Amino acid sequence: MSNVLTPQDMLKFTKNLEQEMIKAKKMTVAVGITADSATSKVYDSGATVLQVASWHEFGRGNNPIRSFLRIPFDIKSKEINNFIEKQFSEVLEGKKDTEKALGLIGAFATNISKGAFTTMGYGTWAPLDPDTVDAKGSSTPLIDTGILRRAVNFEVRKK
């Protein structure tokens, strides 16, 4: 059996590729604190998930930056870019559609973000103050309740 495409197969492949590229231009994947969990007031203090996320992502008062989005994505940018390239190579080869590729990219990036919680921000987070360690009984930041970590998610969106 020959691996040469017929003109009809090539036309079908090209039209499918065109449709996937048009779809890709109209879609994006967002990773972070999604709207459905952002305004939940689940902390005893009455703070929302989005407030607590921003306090850690950007620092607040005497609390240092403990980025679980920006810095981990910078640190892991080569891995993320390689994964994106692999997914869209498979789209170009007709092995998967754009929406599935974007979903896999979102899941991959979400796992990188969540990995920051167990690696001290991939080694970038300042250690807790000794008084904080005594008060909470743990030396690991951001893992008391798991609320923030569970709130990190992704959405495939239309632009």
N, C-alpha and C. Protein backbone atom coordinates (compact mmCIF):
# COMPACT_ATOMS: atom_id res chain seq x y z
N MET A 1 0.84 -1.18 0.00
CA MET A 1 0.00 0.00 0.00
C MET A 1 0.88 1.25 0.00
N SER A 2 0.53 2.23 -0.76
CA SER A 2 1.31 3.44 -0.94
C SER A 2 0.97 4.47 0.14
N ASN A 3 1.97 5.25 0.55
CA ASN A 3 1.77 6.33 1.51
C ASN A 3 1.51 7.66 0.81
N VAL A 4 1.37 7.63 -0.51
CA VAL A 4 1.14 8.84 -1.27
C VAL A 4 -0.34 9.21 -1.19
N LEU A 5 -0.61 10.49 -0.86
CA LEU A 5 -1.99 10.96 -0.77
C LEU A 5 -2.55 11.22 -2.16
N THR A 6 -3.79 10.87 -2.34
CA THR A 6 -4.48 11.21 -3.58
C THR A 6 -4.79 12.70 -3.54
N PRO A 7 -5.07 13.30 -4.69
CA PRO A 7 -5.46 14.72 -4.69
C PRO A 7 -6.70 14.97 -3.81
N GLN A 8 -7.63 14.02 -3.80
CA GLN A 8 -8.82 14.19 -2.97
C GLN A 8 -8.47 14.15 -1.47
N ASP A 9 -7.58 13.23 -1.11
CA ASP A 9 -7.14 13.15 0.30
C ASP A 9 -6.38 14.41 0.70
N MET A 10 -5.54 14.89 -0.19
CA MET A 10 -4.76 16.10 0.10
C MET A 10 -5.70 17.30 0.27
N LEU A 11 -6.71 17.40 -0.55
CA LEU A 11 -7.68 18.49 -0.45
C LEU A 11 -8.45 18.40 0.87
N LYS A 12 -8.87 17.20 1.22
CA LYS A 12 -9.59 16.99 2.49
C LYS A 12 -8.69 17.36 3.68
N PHE A 13 -7.44 16.91 3.64
CA PHE A 13 -6.49 17.22 4.70
C PHE A 13 -6.26 18.73 4.81
N THR A 14 -6.09 19.38 3.68
CA THR A 14 -5.84 20.83 3.66
C THR A 14 -7.04 21.61 4.18
N LYS A 15 -8.24 21.20 3.79
CA LYS A 15 -9.45 21.88 4.29
C LYS A 15 -9.60 21.69 5.79
N ASN A 16 -9.33 20.50 6.28
CA ASN A 16 -9.39 20.24 7.72
C ASN A 16 -8.37 21.10 8.46
N LEU A 17 -7.16 21.16 7.91
CA LEU A 17 -6.11 21.97 8.51
C LEU A 17 -6.53 23.45 8.56
N GLU A 18 -7.10 23.93 7.48
CA GLU A 18 -7.57 25.32 7.44
C GLU A 18 -8.63 25.56 8.52
N GLN A 19 -9.57 24.64 8.66
CA GLN A 19 -10.62 24.78 9.67
C GLN A 19 -10.03 24.80 11.08
N GLU A 20 -9.05 23.94 11.33
CA GLU A 20 -8.43 23.91 12.66
C GLU A 20 -7.66 25.20 12.94
N MET A 21 -7.00 25.76 11.95
CA MET A 21 -6.26 27.00 12.16
C MET A 21 -7.21 28.18 12.38
N ILE A 22 -8.33 28.19 11.67
CA ILE A 22 -9.34 29.23 11.89
C ILE A 22 -9.89 29.11 13.31
N LYS A 23 -10.15 27.88 13.75
CA LYS A 23 -10.64 27.63 15.10
C LYS A 23 -9.59 28.08 16.13
N ALA A 24 -8.32 27.77 15.88
CA ALA A 24 -7.26 28.13 16.82
C ALA A 24 -7.14 29.64 16.99
N LYS A 25 -7.35 30.39 15.92
CA LYS A 25 -7.29 31.85 16.01
C LYS A 25 -8.44 32.41 16.85
N LYS A 26 -9.51 31.66 16.99
CA LYS A 26 -10.69 32.14 17.71
C LYS A 26 -10.79 31.61 19.14
N MET A 27 -9.77 30.86 19.58
CA MET A 27 -9.82 30.25 20.90
C MET A 27 -8.56 30.57 21.69
N THR A 28 -8.68 30.43 22.98
CA THR A 28 -7.54 30.62 23.88
C THR A 28 -7.75 29.73 25.10
N VAL A 29 -6.69 29.53 25.85
CA VAL A 29 -6.81 28.80 27.10
C VAL A 29 -6.34 29.73 28.21
N ALA A 30 -7.13 29.81 29.27
CA ALA A 30 -6.81 30.65 30.43
C ALA A 30 -6.55 29.75 31.63
N VAL A 31 -5.46 30.02 32.34
CA VAL A 31 -5.09 29.23 33.52
C VAL A 31 -4.99 30.16 34.71
N GLY A 32 -5.58 29.77 35.80
CA GLY A 32 -5.50 30.57 37.02
C GLY A 32 -6.70 30.31 37.90
N ILE A 33 -7.17 31.37 38.54
CA ILE A 33 -8.35 31.29 39.38
C ILE A 33 -9.54 31.63 38.49
N THR A 34 -10.34 30.64 38.18
CA THR A 34 -11.44 30.84 37.24
C THR A 34 -12.62 31.53 37.93
N ALA A 35 -13.47 32.15 37.14
CA ALA A 35 -14.58 32.96 37.65
C ALA A 35 -15.48 32.21 38.62
N ASP A 36 -15.70 30.93 38.39
CA ASP A 36 -16.62 30.18 39.25
C ASP A 36 -16.10 30.03 40.68
N SER A 37 -14.78 30.13 40.89
CA SER A 37 -14.27 30.01 42.26
C SER A 37 -13.72 31.33 42.80
N ALA A 38 -13.55 32.32 41.96
CA ALA A 38 -12.87 33.56 42.35
C ALA A 38 -13.57 34.31 43.47
N THR A 39 -14.88 34.36 43.46
CA THR A 39 -15.60 35.17 44.44
C THR A 39 -16.13 34.37 45.62
N SER A 40 -15.79 33.09 45.67
CA SER A 40 -16.23 32.27 46.80
C SER A 40 -15.56 32.77 48.08
N LYS A 41 -16.39 33.04 49.09
CA LYS A 41 -15.87 33.48 50.39
C LYS A 41 -15.76 32.26 51.28
N VAL A 42 -14.71 31.50 51.07
CA VAL A 42 -14.56 30.23 51.76
C VAL A 42 -13.57 30.28 52.92
N TYR A 43 -12.90 31.40 53.10
CA TYR A 43 -11.95 31.52 54.19
C TYR A 43 -12.64 32.05 55.43
N ASP A 44 -12.18 31.63 56.59
CA ASP A 44 -12.76 32.07 57.87
C ASP A 44 -12.75 33.59 58.01
N SER A 45 -11.77 34.23 57.41
CA SER A 45 -11.65 35.69 57.49
C SER A 45 -12.69 36.41 56.65
N GLY A 46 -13.38 35.68 55.78
CA GLY A 46 -14.34 36.30 54.86
C GLY A 46 -13.71 36.68 53.53
N ALA A 47 -12.42 36.44 53.38
CA ALA A 47 -11.73 36.76 52.13
C ALA A 47 -12.17 35.80 51.03
N THR A 48 -12.14 36.31 49.80
CA THR A 48 -12.47 35.47 48.65
C THR A 48 -11.21 34.75 48.17
N VAL A 49 -11.41 33.75 47.38
CA VAL A 49 -10.29 33.02 46.80
C VAL A 49 -9.42 33.97 45.96
N LEU A 50 -10.06 34.85 45.21
CA LEU A 50 -9.31 35.79 44.37
C LEU A 50 -8.47 36.74 45.22
N GLN A 51 -9.01 37.21 46.33
CA GLN A 51 -8.23 38.09 47.21
C GLN A 51 -6.99 37.36 47.74
N VAL A 52 -7.18 36.17 48.26
CA VAL A 52 -6.07 35.40 48.82
C VAL A 52 -5.05 35.09 47.72
N ALA A 53 -5.54 34.74 46.53
CA ALA A 53 -4.64 34.45 45.40
C ALA A 53 -3.79 35.67 45.07
N SER A 54 -4.40 36.84 45.00
CA SER A 54 -3.64 38.04 44.65
C SER A 54 -2.65 38.41 45.75
N TRP A 55 -3.01 38.22 47.02
CA TRP A 55 -2.08 38.50 48.12
C TRP A 55 -0.82 37.66 47.99
N HIS A 56 -0.98 36.40 47.61
CA HIS A 56 0.20 35.53 47.48
C HIS A 56 0.94 35.78 46.17
N GLU A 57 0.20 35.95 45.10
CA GLU A 57 0.83 36.14 43.78
C GLU A 57 1.67 37.41 43.73
N PHE A 58 1.20 38.48 44.38
CA PHE A 58 1.88 39.77 44.29
C PHE A 58 2.48 40.25 45.61
N GLY A 59 2.26 39.53 46.70
CA GLY A 59 2.73 39.95 48.01
C GLY A 59 1.75 40.96 48.60
N ARG A 60 1.78 41.07 49.93
CA ARG A 60 0.86 42.00 50.60
C ARG A 60 1.45 42.35 51.96
N GLY A 61 1.63 43.63 52.21
CA GLY A 61 2.18 44.05 53.50
C GLY A 61 3.53 43.41 53.74
N ASN A 62 3.66 42.74 54.88
CA ASN A 62 4.92 42.06 55.22
C ASN A 62 5.03 40.67 54.61
N ASN A 63 3.98 40.23 53.95
CA ASN A 63 3.99 38.89 53.34
C ASN A 63 4.69 38.95 51.98
N PRO A 64 5.68 38.09 51.77
CA PRO A 64 6.42 38.11 50.51
C PRO A 64 5.60 37.53 49.35
N ILE A 65 6.07 37.79 48.17
CA ILE A 65 5.47 37.20 46.96
C ILE A 65 5.66 35.69 47.03
N ARG A 66 4.58 34.97 46.83
CA ARG A 66 4.64 33.51 46.69
C ARG A 66 3.84 33.16 45.44
N SER A 67 4.43 33.48 44.31
CA SER A 67 3.76 33.31 43.02
C SER A 67 3.55 31.83 42.71
N PHE A 68 2.32 31.52 42.35
CA PHE A 68 1.99 30.16 41.91
C PHE A 68 1.55 30.17 40.46
N LEU A 69 1.61 31.32 39.81
CA LEU A 69 1.26 31.43 38.38
C LEU A 69 2.42 32.03 37.58
N ARG A 70 2.67 33.31 37.74
CA ARG A 70 3.65 33.99 36.88
C ARG A 70 5.05 33.38 36.94
N ILE A 71 5.58 33.29 38.14
CA ILE A 71 6.97 32.82 38.27
C ILE A 71 7.11 31.35 37.87
N PRO A 72 6.22 30.45 38.33
CA PRO A 72 6.34 29.07 37.85
C PRO A 72 6.24 28.94 36.33
N PHE A 73 5.37 29.76 35.71
CA PHE A 73 5.26 29.69 34.25
C PHE A 73 6.54 30.22 33.59
N ASP A 74 7.18 31.22 34.19
CA ASP A 74 8.47 31.68 33.67
C ASP A 74 9.53 30.59 33.81
N ILE A 75 9.59 30.00 35.00
CA ILE A 75 10.59 28.95 35.26
C ILE A 75 10.40 27.76 34.31
N LYS A 76 9.16 27.40 34.06
CA LYS A 76 8.85 26.22 33.26
C LYS A 76 8.48 26.58 31.81
N SER A 77 8.84 27.77 31.36
CA SER A 77 8.41 28.23 30.03
C SER A 77 8.89 27.33 28.90
N LYS A 78 10.10 26.80 29.02
CA LYS A 78 10.61 25.91 27.96
C LYS A 78 9.77 24.64 27.88
N GLU A 79 9.43 24.05 29.03
CA GLU A 79 8.58 22.86 29.04
C GLU A 79 7.19 23.17 28.49
N ILE A 80 6.65 24.32 28.88
CA ILE A 80 5.32 24.71 28.39
C ILE A 80 5.35 24.89 26.88
N ASN A 81 6.36 25.63 26.38
CA ASN A 81 6.46 25.86 24.94
C ASN A 81 6.64 24.56 24.16
N ASN A 82 7.44 23.65 24.69
CA ASN A 82 7.61 22.34 24.03
C ASN A 82 6.30 21.58 23.99
N PHE A 83 5.54 21.64 25.07
CA PHE A 83 4.26 20.94 25.12
C PHE A 83 3.26 21.56 24.12
N ILE A 84 3.23 22.88 24.06
CA ILE A 84 2.35 23.57 23.10
C ILE A 84 2.73 23.17 21.67
N GLU A 85 4.03 23.17 21.39
CA GLU A 85 4.50 22.79 20.05
C GLU A 85 4.08 21.36 19.71
N LYS A 86 4.21 20.45 20.67
CA LYS A 86 3.82 19.06 20.44
C LYS A 86 2.32 18.95 20.15
N GLN A 87 1.52 19.66 20.93
CA GLN A 87 0.07 19.58 20.74
C GLN A 87 -0.34 20.12 19.37
N PHE A 88 0.25 21.25 18.98
CA PHE A 88 -0.15 21.81 17.69
C PHE A 88 0.50 21.09 16.51
N SER A 89 1.58 20.39 16.74
CA SER A 89 2.11 19.51 15.69
C SER A 89 1.10 18.41 15.41
N GLU A 90 0.51 17.89 16.47
CA GLU A 90 -0.51 16.84 16.30
C GLU A 90 -1.77 17.39 15.65
N VAL A 91 -2.10 18.66 15.91
CA VAL A 91 -3.23 19.28 15.21
C VAL A 91 -2.90 19.37 13.73
N LEU A 92 -1.69 19.84 13.41
CA LEU A 92 -1.27 19.98 12.01
C LEU A 92 -1.22 18.64 11.28
N GLU A 93 -0.92 17.59 12.01
CA GLU A 93 -0.87 16.25 11.42
C GLU A 93 -2.25 15.61 11.35
N GLY A 94 -3.26 16.30 11.85
CA GLY A 94 -4.62 15.75 11.82
C GLY A 94 -4.89 14.70 12.88
N LYS A 95 -4.04 14.62 13.91
CA LYS A 95 -4.19 13.60 14.95
C LYS A 95 -5.14 14.03 16.07
N LYS A 96 -5.36 15.35 16.22
CA LYS A 96 -6.30 15.84 17.23
C LYS A 96 -6.82 17.20 16.81
N ASP A 97 -7.92 17.60 17.42
CA ASP A 97 -8.47 18.91 17.06
C ASP A 97 -7.95 19.99 18.01
N THR A 98 -8.16 21.23 17.62
CA THR A 98 -7.66 22.39 18.36
C THR A 98 -8.18 22.43 19.78
N GLU A 99 -9.46 22.19 19.96
CA GLU A 99 -10.04 22.29 21.31
C GLU A 99 -9.41 21.26 22.25
N LYS A 100 -9.19 20.06 21.76
CA LYS A 100 -8.55 19.04 22.60
C LYS A 100 -7.12 19.45 22.92
N ALA A 101 -6.40 19.97 21.93
CA ALA A 101 -5.02 20.42 22.17
C ALA A 101 -4.98 21.52 23.21
N LEU A 102 -5.88 22.49 23.11
CA LEU A 102 -5.92 23.57 24.09
C LEU A 102 -6.27 23.05 25.48
N GLY A 103 -7.17 22.08 25.56
CA GLY A 103 -7.52 21.48 26.84
C GLY A 103 -6.33 20.79 27.48
N LEU A 104 -5.55 20.08 26.68
CA LEU A 104 -4.36 19.41 27.20
C LEU A 104 -3.30 20.42 27.65
N ILE A 105 -3.18 21.51 26.90
CA ILE A 105 -2.25 22.58 27.27
C ILE A 105 -2.69 23.21 28.60
N GLY A 106 -3.99 23.44 28.74
CA GLY A 106 -4.52 23.99 29.99
C GLY A 106 -4.26 23.09 31.17
N ALA A 107 -4.48 21.79 31.00
CA ALA A 107 -4.23 20.83 32.08
C ALA A 107 -2.74 20.80 32.42
N PHE A 108 -1.88 20.84 31.42
CA PHE A 108 -0.43 20.82 31.64
C PHE A 108 0.00 22.04 32.45
N ALA A 109 -0.47 23.22 32.05
CA ALA A 109 -0.11 24.45 32.75
C ALA A 109 -0.69 24.48 34.16
N THR A 110 -1.90 23.97 34.33
CA THR A 110 -2.50 23.89 35.66
C THR A 110 -1.65 23.03 36.59
N ASN A 111 -1.16 21.93 36.08
CA ASN A 111 -0.31 21.06 36.89
C ASN A 111 1.01 21.74 37.28
N ILE A 112 1.54 22.57 36.40
CA ILE A 112 2.74 23.32 36.74
C ILE A 112 2.43 24.29 37.87
N SER A 113 1.31 25.00 37.76
CA SER A 113 0.92 25.92 38.82
C SER A 113 0.73 25.20 40.14
N LYS A 114 0.02 24.09 40.12
CA LYS A 114 -0.23 23.34 41.35
C LYS A 114 1.06 22.75 41.91
N GLY A 115 2.02 22.47 41.04
CA GLY A 115 3.31 21.97 41.49
C GLY A 115 4.07 22.98 42.34
N ALA A 116 3.78 24.26 42.14
CA ALA A 116 4.43 25.30 42.93
C ALA A 116 4.12 25.15 44.42
N PHE A 117 2.93 24.63 44.73
CA PHE A 117 2.52 24.51 46.12
C PHE A 117 3.32 23.45 46.87
N THR A 118 3.84 22.47 46.17
CA THR A 118 4.59 21.39 46.82
C THR A 118 6.11 21.53 46.65
N THR A 119 6.54 22.56 45.91
CA THR A 119 7.97 22.75 45.66
C THR A 119 8.46 24.12 46.13
N MET A 120 7.64 24.77 46.98
CA MET A 120 7.99 26.12 47.45
C MET A 120 8.21 27.05 46.24
N GLY A 121 7.26 26.98 45.31
CA GLY A 121 7.36 27.83 44.13
C GLY A 121 8.54 27.50 43.26
N TYR A 122 8.83 26.18 43.15
CA TYR A 122 10.00 25.70 42.41
C TYR A 122 11.27 26.35 42.97
N GLY A 123 11.27 26.48 44.31
CA GLY A 123 12.44 26.98 45.01
C GLY A 123 12.53 28.49 45.12
N THR A 124 11.49 29.22 44.76
CA THR A 124 11.56 30.69 44.78
C THR A 124 10.89 31.32 45.99
N TRP A 125 10.10 30.59 46.75
CA TRP A 125 9.38 31.19 47.88
C TRP A 125 10.28 31.35 49.08
N ALA A 126 10.13 32.47 49.75
CA ALA A 126 10.85 32.69 51.01
C ALA A 126 10.29 31.75 52.07
N PRO A 127 11.15 31.28 52.96
CA PRO A 127 10.65 30.42 54.04
C PRO A 127 9.72 31.21 54.97
N LEU A 128 8.88 30.49 55.65
CA LEU A 128 7.98 31.13 56.61
C LEU A 128 8.77 31.68 57.79
N ASP A 129 8.23 32.71 58.36
CA ASP A 129 8.77 33.27 59.59
C ASP A 129 8.66 32.20 60.70
N PRO A 130 9.64 32.08 61.57
CA PRO A 130 9.57 31.07 62.63
C PRO A 130 8.30 31.18 63.50
N ASP A 131 7.82 32.38 63.75
CA ASP A 131 6.58 32.54 64.52
C ASP A 131 5.39 31.94 63.77
N THR A 132 5.38 32.10 62.46
CA THR A 132 4.31 31.52 61.63
C THR A 132 4.38 30.00 61.67
N VAL A 133 5.58 29.46 61.59
CA VAL A 133 5.77 28.00 61.65
C VAL A 133 5.23 27.47 62.98
N ASP A 134 5.56 28.15 64.08
CA ASP A 134 5.07 27.74 65.39
C ASP A 134 3.55 27.80 65.46
N ALA A 135 2.98 28.87 64.92
CA ALA A 135 1.53 29.06 64.99
C ALA A 135 0.76 28.04 64.15
N LYS A 136 1.28 27.71 62.99
CA LYS A 136 0.53 26.79 62.11
C LYS A 136 0.99 25.35 62.23
N GLY A 137 2.18 25.14 62.80
CA GLY A 137 2.65 23.77 62.98
C GLY A 137 3.23 23.15 61.72
N SER A 138 3.58 23.98 60.75
CA SER A 138 4.14 23.48 59.49
C SER A 138 5.05 24.56 58.92
N SER A 139 6.06 24.14 58.19
CA SER A 139 6.98 25.10 57.58
C SER A 139 6.71 25.31 56.09
N THR A 140 5.65 24.71 55.60
CA THR A 140 5.35 24.82 54.18
C THR A 140 4.24 25.85 53.94
N PRO A 141 4.53 26.90 53.18
CA PRO A 141 3.52 27.92 52.90
C PRO A 141 2.39 27.41 52.00
N LEU A 142 1.24 28.00 52.15
CA LEU A 142 0.09 27.84 51.26
C LEU A 142 -0.51 26.44 51.20
N ILE A 143 -0.35 25.64 52.23
CA ILE A 143 -0.96 24.31 52.16
C ILE A 143 -1.88 24.00 53.33
N ASP A 144 -2.23 24.99 54.10
CA ASP A 144 -3.06 24.74 55.29
C ASP A 144 -4.39 24.08 54.94
N THR A 145 -5.13 24.67 54.04
CA THR A 145 -6.48 24.16 53.73
C THR A 145 -6.57 23.54 52.34
N GLY A 146 -5.70 23.93 51.44
CA GLY A 146 -5.75 23.43 50.06
C GLY A 146 -6.77 24.15 49.20
N ILE A 147 -7.45 25.14 49.77
CA ILE A 147 -8.50 25.85 49.03
C ILE A 147 -7.93 26.53 47.79
N LEU A 148 -6.86 27.29 47.98
CA LEU A 148 -6.27 28.04 46.86
C LEU A 148 -5.76 27.09 45.79
N ARG A 149 -5.06 26.07 46.20
CA ARG A 149 -4.51 25.10 45.23
C ARG A 149 -5.63 24.46 44.41
N ARG A 150 -6.71 24.07 45.08
CA ARG A 150 -7.84 23.45 44.36
C ARG A 150 -8.54 24.43 43.42
N ALA A 151 -8.44 25.72 43.72
CA ALA A 151 -9.10 26.73 42.88
C ALA A 151 -8.37 27.00 41.57
N VAL A 152 -7.11 26.60 41.48
CA VAL A 152 -6.35 26.80 40.24
C VAL A 152 -6.90 25.83 39.20
N ASN A 153 -7.31 26.39 38.07
CA ASN A 153 -7.94 25.57 37.03
C ASN A 153 -7.69 26.23 35.69
N PHE A 154 -8.29 25.69 34.64
CA PHE A 154 -8.16 26.28 33.32
C PHE A 154 -9.52 26.25 32.61
N GLU A 155 -9.63 27.12 31.62
CA GLU A 155 -10.81 27.14 30.75
C GLU A 155 -10.34 27.34 29.32
N VAL A 156 -10.93 26.60 28.40
CA VAL A 156 -10.74 26.85 26.97
C VAL A 156 -11.86 27.81 26.60
N ARG A 157 -11.48 28.95 26.06
CA ARG A 157 -12.45 30.02 25.76
C ARG A 157 -12.43 30.42 24.31
N LYS A 158 -13.56 30.92 23.87
CA LYS A 158 -13.62 31.57 22.56
C LYS A 158 -13.25 33.03 22.77
N LYS A 159 -12.43 33.57 21.86
CA LYS A 159 -12.01 34.98 21.96
C LYS A 159 -13.15 35.90 21.64
